[in-house]
N, C-alpha and C. Protein backbone atom coordinates (compact mmCIF):
# COMPACT_ATOMS: atom_id res chain seq x y z
N UNK A 1 -30.23 1.62 -0.62
CA UNK A 1 -29.15 2.58 -0.42
C UNK A 1 -28.06 2.31 -1.47
N UNK A 2 -27.62 3.34 -2.18
CA UNK A 2 -26.60 3.14 -3.21
C UNK A 2 -25.27 2.72 -2.59
N UNK A 3 -24.51 1.98 -3.37
CA UNK A 3 -23.20 1.50 -2.93
C UNK A 3 -22.24 2.67 -2.73
N UNK A 4 -22.25 3.62 -3.66
CA UNK A 4 -21.38 4.78 -3.61
C UNK A 4 -22.21 6.05 -3.69
N UNK A 5 -21.80 7.06 -2.95
CA UNK A 5 -22.35 8.39 -3.17
C UNK A 5 -21.69 8.92 -4.45
N UNK A 6 -22.19 10.02 -4.96
CA UNK A 6 -21.58 10.61 -6.16
C UNK A 6 -20.12 10.98 -5.89
N UNK A 7 -19.84 11.51 -4.69
CA UNK A 7 -18.47 11.89 -4.34
C UNK A 7 -17.56 10.66 -4.23
N UNK A 8 -18.08 9.59 -3.63
CA UNK A 8 -17.30 8.36 -3.50
C UNK A 8 -17.02 7.75 -4.87
N UNK A 9 -18.00 7.77 -5.74
CA UNK A 9 -17.82 7.24 -7.09
C UNK A 9 -16.74 8.02 -7.83
N UNK A 10 -16.74 9.34 -7.66
CA UNK A 10 -15.72 10.18 -8.30
C UNK A 10 -14.34 9.84 -7.74
N UNK A 11 -14.24 9.70 -6.41
CA UNK A 11 -12.94 9.34 -5.81
C UNK A 11 -12.51 7.94 -6.25
N UNK A 12 -13.45 7.00 -6.32
CA UNK A 12 -13.14 5.64 -6.77
C UNK A 12 -12.58 5.66 -8.18
N UNK A 13 -13.25 6.38 -9.07
CA UNK A 13 -12.83 6.42 -10.47
C UNK A 13 -11.49 7.14 -10.65
N UNK A 14 -11.17 8.08 -9.76
CA UNK A 14 -9.93 8.84 -9.87
C UNK A 14 -8.75 8.16 -9.17
N UNK A 15 -9.01 7.21 -8.32
CA UNK A 15 -7.96 6.59 -7.52
C UNK A 15 -7.13 5.60 -8.34
N UNK A 16 -5.81 5.72 -8.28
CA UNK A 16 -4.97 4.72 -8.95
C UNK A 16 -5.09 3.35 -8.27
N UNK A 17 -5.54 3.33 -7.03
CA UNK A 17 -5.69 2.08 -6.30
C UNK A 17 -6.84 1.24 -6.84
N UNK A 18 -7.77 1.87 -7.53
CA UNK A 18 -8.85 1.11 -8.18
C UNK A 18 -8.25 0.21 -9.26
N UNK A 19 -7.33 0.74 -10.05
CA UNK A 19 -6.66 -0.05 -11.07
C UNK A 19 -5.79 -1.14 -10.43
N UNK A 20 -5.08 -0.78 -9.36
CA UNK A 20 -4.24 -1.75 -8.66
C UNK A 20 -5.09 -2.94 -8.20
N UNK A 21 -6.23 -2.66 -7.60
CA UNK A 21 -7.12 -3.72 -7.15
C UNK A 21 -7.63 -4.54 -8.33
N UNK A 22 -7.94 -3.86 -9.42
CA UNK A 22 -8.43 -4.55 -10.61
C UNK A 22 -7.39 -5.47 -11.23
N UNK A 23 -6.12 -5.15 -11.05
CA UNK A 23 -5.04 -6.00 -11.56
C UNK A 23 -4.75 -7.14 -10.57
N UNK A 24 -4.68 -6.80 -9.28
CA UNK A 24 -4.30 -7.79 -8.27
C UNK A 24 -5.36 -8.88 -8.07
N UNK A 25 -6.62 -8.53 -8.19
CA UNK A 25 -7.68 -9.52 -7.93
C UNK A 25 -7.58 -10.73 -8.87
N UNK A 26 -7.47 -10.55 -10.18
CA UNK A 26 -7.34 -11.74 -11.03
C UNK A 26 -6.00 -12.45 -10.85
N UNK A 27 -4.94 -11.70 -10.54
CA UNK A 27 -3.65 -12.35 -10.27
C UNK A 27 -3.78 -13.25 -9.05
N UNK A 28 -4.42 -12.72 -8.00
CA UNK A 28 -4.60 -13.53 -6.79
C UNK A 28 -5.43 -14.78 -7.09
N UNK A 29 -6.45 -14.63 -7.93
CA UNK A 29 -7.28 -15.77 -8.26
C UNK A 29 -6.48 -16.83 -9.03
N UNK A 30 -5.63 -16.40 -9.94
CA UNK A 30 -4.80 -17.35 -10.68
C UNK A 30 -3.81 -18.05 -9.75
N UNK A 31 -3.19 -17.30 -8.85
CA UNK A 31 -2.28 -17.89 -7.87
C UNK A 31 -3.05 -18.90 -7.02
N UNK A 32 -4.26 -18.54 -6.62
CA UNK A 32 -5.10 -19.44 -5.84
C UNK A 32 -5.36 -20.75 -6.60
N UNK A 33 -5.74 -20.64 -7.88
CA UNK A 33 -6.04 -21.85 -8.66
C UNK A 33 -4.83 -22.77 -8.78
N UNK A 34 -3.67 -22.19 -9.06
CA UNK A 34 -2.45 -22.99 -9.16
C UNK A 34 -2.15 -23.64 -7.82
N UNK A 35 -2.22 -22.85 -6.76
CA UNK A 35 -1.93 -23.38 -5.44
C UNK A 35 -2.93 -24.46 -5.03
N UNK A 36 -4.19 -24.23 -5.29
CA UNK A 36 -5.21 -25.22 -4.98
C UNK A 36 -4.89 -26.54 -5.67
N UNK A 37 -4.52 -26.47 -6.94
CA UNK A 37 -4.15 -27.68 -7.67
C UNK A 37 -2.96 -28.38 -7.03
N UNK A 38 -1.96 -27.62 -6.63
CA UNK A 38 -0.77 -28.21 -6.03
C UNK A 38 -1.07 -28.82 -4.66
N UNK A 39 -1.89 -28.13 -3.87
CA UNK A 39 -2.27 -28.65 -2.55
C UNK A 39 -3.08 -29.93 -2.71
N UNK A 40 -4.05 -29.93 -3.61
CA UNK A 40 -4.86 -31.14 -3.82
C UNK A 40 -4.01 -32.28 -4.35
N UNK A 41 -3.09 -31.96 -5.25
CA UNK A 41 -2.18 -33.00 -5.76
C UNK A 41 -1.38 -33.63 -4.62
N UNK A 42 -0.87 -32.77 -3.73
CA UNK A 42 -0.12 -33.31 -2.60
C UNK A 42 -1.01 -34.20 -1.72
N UNK A 43 -2.21 -33.71 -1.43
CA UNK A 43 -3.11 -34.49 -0.56
C UNK A 43 -3.51 -35.82 -1.20
N UNK A 44 -3.68 -35.86 -2.50
CA UNK A 44 -4.09 -37.09 -3.19
C UNK A 44 -2.93 -38.06 -3.41
N UNK A 45 -1.75 -37.49 -3.73
CA UNK A 45 -0.65 -38.38 -4.14
C UNK A 45 0.54 -38.38 -3.19
N UNK A 46 0.64 -37.37 -2.34
CA UNK A 46 1.82 -37.24 -1.48
C UNK A 46 3.00 -36.63 -2.21
N UNK A 47 2.83 -36.31 -3.48
CA UNK A 47 3.92 -35.73 -4.28
C UNK A 47 3.81 -34.20 -4.29
N UNK A 48 4.96 -33.55 -4.41
CA UNK A 48 4.97 -32.11 -4.59
C UNK A 48 4.80 -31.29 -3.32
N UNK A 49 5.29 -31.81 -2.21
CA UNK A 49 5.13 -31.09 -0.93
C UNK A 49 5.73 -29.68 -0.99
N UNK A 50 6.95 -29.56 -1.48
CA UNK A 50 7.61 -28.25 -1.52
C UNK A 50 6.87 -27.27 -2.42
N UNK A 51 6.44 -27.73 -3.58
CA UNK A 51 5.71 -26.86 -4.50
C UNK A 51 4.39 -26.40 -3.87
N UNK A 52 3.69 -27.32 -3.23
CA UNK A 52 2.42 -26.97 -2.59
C UNK A 52 2.64 -25.97 -1.46
N UNK A 53 3.65 -26.24 -0.64
CA UNK A 53 3.95 -25.35 0.48
C UNK A 53 4.32 -23.95 -0.02
N UNK A 54 5.21 -23.88 -0.99
CA UNK A 54 5.62 -22.59 -1.54
C UNK A 54 4.42 -21.86 -2.15
N UNK A 55 3.55 -22.59 -2.81
CA UNK A 55 2.39 -21.96 -3.45
C UNK A 55 1.45 -21.34 -2.42
N UNK A 56 1.30 -21.98 -1.27
CA UNK A 56 0.44 -21.41 -0.22
C UNK A 56 1.08 -20.15 0.36
N UNK A 57 2.39 -20.17 0.52
CA UNK A 57 3.10 -18.99 1.01
C UNK A 57 2.93 -17.83 0.01
N UNK A 58 3.12 -18.12 -1.28
CA UNK A 58 2.96 -17.09 -2.31
C UNK A 58 1.53 -16.57 -2.31
N UNK A 59 0.54 -17.46 -2.24
CA UNK A 59 -0.87 -17.05 -2.20
C UNK A 59 -1.11 -16.13 -1.01
N UNK A 60 -0.52 -16.45 0.14
CA UNK A 60 -0.71 -15.64 1.34
C UNK A 60 -0.07 -14.26 1.16
N UNK A 61 1.10 -14.21 0.57
CA UNK A 61 1.75 -12.91 0.33
C UNK A 61 0.94 -12.05 -0.65
N UNK A 62 0.39 -12.68 -1.67
CA UNK A 62 -0.46 -11.93 -2.60
C UNK A 62 -1.72 -11.44 -1.87
N UNK A 63 -2.28 -12.27 -1.00
CA UNK A 63 -3.43 -11.86 -0.21
C UNK A 63 -3.09 -10.65 0.66
N UNK A 64 -1.96 -10.69 1.35
CA UNK A 64 -1.55 -9.54 2.17
C UNK A 64 -1.43 -8.29 1.30
N UNK A 65 -0.86 -8.44 0.12
CA UNK A 65 -0.68 -7.29 -0.78
C UNK A 65 -2.03 -6.70 -1.17
N UNK A 66 -2.97 -7.55 -1.55
CA UNK A 66 -4.27 -7.04 -1.97
C UNK A 66 -5.03 -6.45 -0.78
N UNK A 67 -4.81 -6.98 0.40
CA UNK A 67 -5.49 -6.42 1.58
C UNK A 67 -4.93 -5.04 1.94
N UNK A 68 -3.62 -4.89 1.88
CA UNK A 68 -3.01 -3.59 2.19
C UNK A 68 -3.43 -2.55 1.15
N UNK A 69 -3.32 -2.90 -0.12
CA UNK A 69 -3.69 -1.94 -1.16
C UNK A 69 -5.20 -1.68 -1.14
N UNK A 70 -5.99 -2.69 -0.78
CA UNK A 70 -7.43 -2.50 -0.64
C UNK A 70 -7.77 -1.55 0.50
N UNK A 71 -7.00 -1.61 1.57
CA UNK A 71 -7.22 -0.68 2.69
C UNK A 71 -6.89 0.75 2.28
N UNK A 72 -5.81 0.89 1.50
CA UNK A 72 -5.47 2.23 1.00
C UNK A 72 -6.58 2.74 0.09
N UNK A 73 -7.08 1.87 -0.79
CA UNK A 73 -8.19 2.24 -1.68
C UNK A 73 -9.41 2.66 -0.86
N UNK A 74 -9.74 1.87 0.14
CA UNK A 74 -10.91 2.17 0.96
C UNK A 74 -10.74 3.52 1.67
N UNK A 75 -9.53 3.82 2.11
CA UNK A 75 -9.25 5.10 2.77
C UNK A 75 -9.45 6.26 1.79
N UNK A 76 -8.95 6.08 0.56
CA UNK A 76 -9.10 7.15 -0.44
C UNK A 76 -10.56 7.36 -0.82
N UNK A 77 -11.30 6.28 -0.98
CA UNK A 77 -12.67 6.40 -1.48
C UNK A 77 -13.65 6.74 -0.36
N UNK A 78 -13.52 6.10 0.80
CA UNK A 78 -14.52 6.23 1.86
C UNK A 78 -14.02 6.95 3.11
N UNK A 79 -12.72 7.24 3.18
CA UNK A 79 -12.18 7.93 4.35
C UNK A 79 -11.93 7.01 5.54
N UNK A 80 -11.96 5.70 5.33
CA UNK A 80 -11.71 4.71 6.38
C UNK A 80 -10.75 3.66 5.85
N UNK A 81 -9.86 3.18 6.70
CA UNK A 81 -8.91 2.16 6.28
C UNK A 81 -9.61 0.83 6.05
N UNK A 82 -10.59 0.53 6.83
CA UNK A 82 -11.35 -0.72 6.73
C UNK A 82 -12.75 -0.50 7.25
N UNK A 83 -13.63 -1.42 6.94
CA UNK A 83 -14.99 -1.46 7.47
C UNK A 83 -15.83 -0.25 7.06
N UNK A 84 -15.58 0.27 5.87
CA UNK A 84 -16.45 1.32 5.33
C UNK A 84 -17.83 0.72 5.09
N UNK A 85 -18.84 1.52 5.21
CA UNK A 85 -20.22 1.07 5.11
C UNK A 85 -20.49 0.09 3.96
N UNK A 86 -20.12 0.42 2.73
CA UNK A 86 -20.48 -0.49 1.63
C UNK A 86 -19.74 -1.83 1.65
N UNK A 87 -18.59 -1.88 2.33
CA UNK A 87 -17.78 -3.11 2.32
C UNK A 87 -17.59 -3.67 3.72
N UNK A 88 -18.46 -3.31 4.64
CA UNK A 88 -18.29 -3.73 6.03
C UNK A 88 -18.22 -5.25 6.16
N UNK A 89 -19.21 -5.96 5.64
CA UNK A 89 -19.25 -7.42 5.82
C UNK A 89 -18.17 -8.13 5.03
N UNK A 90 -17.81 -7.58 3.89
CA UNK A 90 -16.70 -8.16 3.12
C UNK A 90 -15.40 -8.03 3.92
N UNK A 91 -15.21 -6.87 4.55
CA UNK A 91 -14.01 -6.65 5.36
C UNK A 91 -14.01 -7.54 6.60
N UNK A 92 -15.17 -7.70 7.23
CA UNK A 92 -15.26 -8.59 8.39
C UNK A 92 -14.83 -9.99 7.99
N UNK A 93 -15.36 -10.49 6.90
CA UNK A 93 -15.01 -11.84 6.45
C UNK A 93 -13.56 -11.91 6.00
N UNK A 94 -13.05 -10.81 5.45
CA UNK A 94 -11.63 -10.77 5.06
C UNK A 94 -10.72 -11.00 6.26
N UNK A 95 -11.15 -10.57 7.44
CA UNK A 95 -10.35 -10.79 8.65
C UNK A 95 -10.21 -12.29 8.93
N UNK A 96 -11.27 -13.05 8.70
CA UNK A 96 -11.20 -14.50 8.87
C UNK A 96 -10.26 -15.12 7.82
N UNK A 97 -10.36 -14.64 6.60
CA UNK A 97 -9.48 -15.12 5.53
C UNK A 97 -8.02 -14.85 5.92
N UNK A 98 -7.74 -13.64 6.37
CA UNK A 98 -6.38 -13.29 6.79
C UNK A 98 -5.94 -14.13 7.97
N UNK A 99 -6.82 -14.34 8.94
CA UNK A 99 -6.47 -15.12 10.13
C UNK A 99 -6.08 -16.55 9.75
N UNK A 100 -6.84 -17.16 8.86
CA UNK A 100 -6.53 -18.54 8.47
C UNK A 100 -5.24 -18.63 7.65
N UNK A 101 -5.04 -17.69 6.75
CA UNK A 101 -3.79 -17.69 5.98
C UNK A 101 -2.59 -17.44 6.90
N UNK A 102 -2.76 -16.53 7.84
CA UNK A 102 -1.68 -16.24 8.79
C UNK A 102 -1.44 -17.45 9.70
N UNK A 103 -2.50 -18.11 10.11
CA UNK A 103 -2.34 -19.33 10.92
C UNK A 103 -1.52 -20.36 10.15
N UNK A 104 -1.74 -20.46 8.85
CA UNK A 104 -0.95 -21.38 8.05
C UNK A 104 0.53 -21.03 8.15
N UNK A 105 0.86 -19.74 7.99
CA UNK A 105 2.27 -19.33 8.06
C UNK A 105 2.87 -19.63 9.43
N UNK A 106 2.10 -19.41 10.49
CA UNK A 106 2.57 -19.68 11.85
C UNK A 106 2.83 -21.17 12.02
N UNK A 107 1.86 -21.97 11.61
CA UNK A 107 1.98 -23.42 11.73
C UNK A 107 3.18 -23.92 10.90
N UNK A 108 3.35 -23.37 9.72
CA UNK A 108 4.47 -23.75 8.87
C UNK A 108 5.80 -23.33 9.50
N UNK A 109 5.86 -22.08 9.91
CA UNK A 109 7.11 -21.53 10.46
C UNK A 109 7.56 -22.20 11.75
N UNK A 110 6.61 -22.57 12.56
CA UNK A 110 6.95 -23.18 13.86
C UNK A 110 6.79 -24.70 13.82
N UNK A 111 6.49 -25.23 12.64
CA UNK A 111 6.36 -26.68 12.46
C UNK A 111 5.41 -27.27 13.50
N UNK A 112 4.23 -26.68 13.62
CA UNK A 112 3.27 -27.08 14.65
C UNK A 112 2.39 -28.24 14.24
N UNK A 113 2.25 -28.47 12.95
CA UNK A 113 1.43 -29.57 12.45
C UNK A 113 2.22 -30.33 11.39
N UNK A 114 1.79 -31.54 11.13
CA UNK A 114 2.37 -32.28 10.01
C UNK A 114 1.95 -31.64 8.70
N UNK A 115 2.62 -32.01 7.63
CA UNK A 115 2.37 -31.40 6.33
C UNK A 115 0.93 -31.61 5.88
N UNK A 116 0.40 -32.79 6.07
CA UNK A 116 -0.99 -33.05 5.66
C UNK A 116 -1.95 -32.10 6.38
N UNK A 117 -1.78 -31.92 7.67
CA UNK A 117 -2.65 -31.01 8.42
C UNK A 117 -2.43 -29.55 8.00
N UNK A 118 -1.20 -29.22 7.66
CA UNK A 118 -0.93 -27.86 7.14
C UNK A 118 -1.71 -27.63 5.85
N UNK A 119 -1.71 -28.63 5.00
CA UNK A 119 -2.42 -28.51 3.72
C UNK A 119 -3.94 -28.44 3.95
N UNK A 120 -4.43 -29.16 4.93
CA UNK A 120 -5.86 -29.06 5.26
C UNK A 120 -6.20 -27.67 5.79
N UNK A 121 -5.30 -27.10 6.57
CA UNK A 121 -5.49 -25.72 7.03
C UNK A 121 -5.49 -24.77 5.84
N UNK A 122 -4.60 -25.00 4.89
CA UNK A 122 -4.58 -24.17 3.68
C UNK A 122 -5.91 -24.28 2.94
N UNK A 123 -6.46 -25.48 2.86
CA UNK A 123 -7.76 -25.65 2.19
C UNK A 123 -8.86 -24.90 2.93
N UNK A 124 -8.82 -24.90 4.25
CA UNK A 124 -9.81 -24.12 5.02
C UNK A 124 -9.65 -22.63 4.71
N UNK A 125 -8.41 -22.17 4.66
CA UNK A 125 -8.16 -20.76 4.31
C UNK A 125 -8.67 -20.47 2.90
N UNK A 126 -8.47 -21.42 1.98
CA UNK A 126 -8.91 -21.24 0.61
C UNK A 126 -10.43 -21.23 0.50
N UNK A 127 -11.09 -22.03 1.31
CA UNK A 127 -12.56 -22.02 1.30
C UNK A 127 -13.09 -20.65 1.72
N UNK A 128 -12.48 -20.06 2.75
CA UNK A 128 -12.92 -18.73 3.17
C UNK A 128 -12.59 -17.69 2.10
N UNK A 129 -11.45 -17.87 1.42
CA UNK A 129 -11.08 -16.96 0.34
C UNK A 129 -12.13 -17.00 -0.78
N UNK A 130 -12.60 -18.19 -1.14
CA UNK A 130 -13.60 -18.31 -2.21
C UNK A 130 -14.88 -17.59 -1.80
N UNK A 131 -15.31 -17.75 -0.57
CA UNK A 131 -16.51 -17.06 -0.09
C UNK A 131 -16.29 -15.55 -0.15
N UNK A 132 -15.14 -15.09 0.32
CA UNK A 132 -14.84 -13.66 0.34
C UNK A 132 -14.73 -13.10 -1.08
N UNK A 133 -14.09 -13.85 -1.97
CA UNK A 133 -13.99 -13.40 -3.37
C UNK A 133 -15.38 -13.29 -3.98
N UNK A 134 -16.25 -14.23 -3.65
CA UNK A 134 -17.63 -14.18 -4.15
C UNK A 134 -18.34 -12.93 -3.63
N UNK A 135 -18.13 -12.60 -2.35
CA UNK A 135 -18.72 -11.38 -1.80
C UNK A 135 -18.28 -10.16 -2.61
N UNK A 136 -16.99 -10.07 -2.90
CA UNK A 136 -16.48 -8.92 -3.63
C UNK A 136 -16.95 -8.91 -5.08
N UNK A 137 -17.05 -10.08 -5.70
CA UNK A 137 -17.57 -10.13 -7.07
C UNK A 137 -19.02 -9.66 -7.13
N UNK A 138 -19.81 -10.07 -6.15
CA UNK A 138 -21.20 -9.62 -6.10
C UNK A 138 -21.27 -8.11 -5.89
N UNK A 139 -20.37 -7.59 -5.07
CA UNK A 139 -20.33 -6.14 -4.84
C UNK A 139 -19.89 -5.41 -6.10
N UNK A 140 -18.92 -5.96 -6.82
CA UNK A 140 -18.48 -5.37 -8.08
C UNK A 140 -19.62 -5.35 -9.09
N UNK A 141 -20.35 -6.44 -9.15
CA UNK A 141 -21.50 -6.51 -10.06
C UNK A 141 -22.54 -5.46 -9.69
N UNK A 142 -22.80 -5.29 -8.39
CA UNK A 142 -23.76 -4.27 -7.94
C UNK A 142 -23.25 -2.87 -8.30
N UNK A 143 -21.95 -2.65 -8.15
CA UNK A 143 -21.38 -1.34 -8.48
C UNK A 143 -21.51 -1.06 -9.97
N UNK A 144 -21.30 -2.08 -10.79
CA UNK A 144 -21.44 -1.88 -12.24
C UNK A 144 -22.88 -1.58 -12.61
N UNK A 145 -23.81 -2.30 -11.99
CA UNK A 145 -25.23 -2.02 -12.26
C UNK A 145 -25.58 -0.61 -11.81
N UNK A 146 -25.06 -0.22 -10.67
CA UNK A 146 -25.32 1.12 -10.15
C UNK A 146 -24.73 2.18 -11.07
N UNK A 147 -23.52 1.94 -11.57
CA UNK A 147 -22.90 2.89 -12.49
C UNK A 147 -23.67 2.98 -13.79
N UNK A 148 -24.13 1.83 -14.31
CA UNK A 148 -24.94 1.84 -15.53
C UNK A 148 -26.23 2.62 -15.30
N UNK A 149 -26.82 2.42 -14.14
CA UNK A 149 -28.06 3.13 -13.81
C UNK A 149 -27.80 4.63 -13.68
N UNK A 150 -26.66 4.99 -13.06
CA UNK A 150 -26.32 6.40 -12.91
C UNK A 150 -26.12 7.05 -14.27
N UNK A 151 -25.52 6.31 -15.21
CA UNK A 151 -25.34 6.85 -16.56
C UNK A 151 -26.68 7.11 -17.24
N UNK A 152 -27.61 6.19 -17.07
CA UNK A 152 -28.91 6.37 -17.72
C UNK A 152 -29.69 7.49 -17.06
N UNK A 153 -29.48 7.70 -15.75
CA UNK A 153 -30.14 8.81 -15.06
C UNK A 153 -29.57 10.15 -15.50
N UNK A 154 -28.25 10.18 -15.76
CA UNK A 154 -27.59 11.42 -16.16
C UNK A 154 -27.86 11.76 -17.62
N UNK A 155 -28.08 10.75 -18.46
CA UNK A 155 -28.28 10.96 -19.88
C UNK A 155 -29.50 10.18 -20.34
N UNK A 156 -30.64 10.83 -20.43
CA UNK A 156 -31.85 10.10 -20.80
C UNK A 156 -31.79 9.49 -22.19
N UNK A 157 -30.77 9.85 -23.01
CA UNK A 157 -30.65 9.28 -24.33
C UNK A 157 -29.91 7.96 -24.35
N UNK A 158 -29.53 7.45 -23.17
CA UNK A 158 -28.80 6.18 -23.08
C UNK A 158 -29.69 5.15 -22.41
N UNK A 159 -29.83 4.02 -23.05
CA UNK A 159 -30.66 2.94 -22.49
C UNK A 159 -29.86 2.19 -21.43
N UNK A 160 -30.51 1.40 -20.58
CA UNK A 160 -29.79 0.66 -19.54
C UNK A 160 -28.72 -0.26 -20.09
N UNK A 161 -28.84 -0.71 -21.32
CA UNK A 161 -27.82 -1.58 -21.90
C UNK A 161 -26.61 -0.78 -22.36
N UNK A 162 -26.68 0.54 -22.28
CA UNK A 162 -25.53 1.37 -22.64
C UNK A 162 -25.58 1.89 -24.06
N UNK A 163 -26.57 1.48 -24.83
CA UNK A 163 -26.66 1.97 -26.21
C UNK A 163 -27.57 3.20 -26.23
N UNK A 164 -27.42 4.00 -27.23
CA UNK A 164 -28.27 5.18 -27.31
C UNK A 164 -29.69 4.76 -27.72
N UNK A 165 -30.64 5.47 -27.20
CA UNK A 165 -32.04 5.12 -27.47
C UNK A 165 -32.51 5.69 -28.78
């Protein structure tokens, strides 16, 4: 079953939210890498608690932003805010990612755990983020292959590699 129908592909390509997602995803990944480094540094050395804490908060805010804009994108392309057929399992797993990041904010805000345990919770949230990001990267790769295939089907003079035959 194709990832996108022809109509969905047209809506995807026309949506400004496609570009927004394309910009936010690498930004979120960079924020994640910086934060991961700061969290690990704190766990290994005990130094940089404030920087690590702030970085997890920033990572969580970026995650919320990409989730909200992703829901808008999904609504424009598939007519559903979440759990559209092609991204159902990615969205399901995203709920776990959101839950763990939100749990971190709750624990931080209400001072429910010590800093070390907060950072371990952040690492658990980050592990789910990595799995979820991998899901979306695999889906993006499938969409690109599907688009390349659609181009070759529409124009028999184009080879699968994108060059003219």
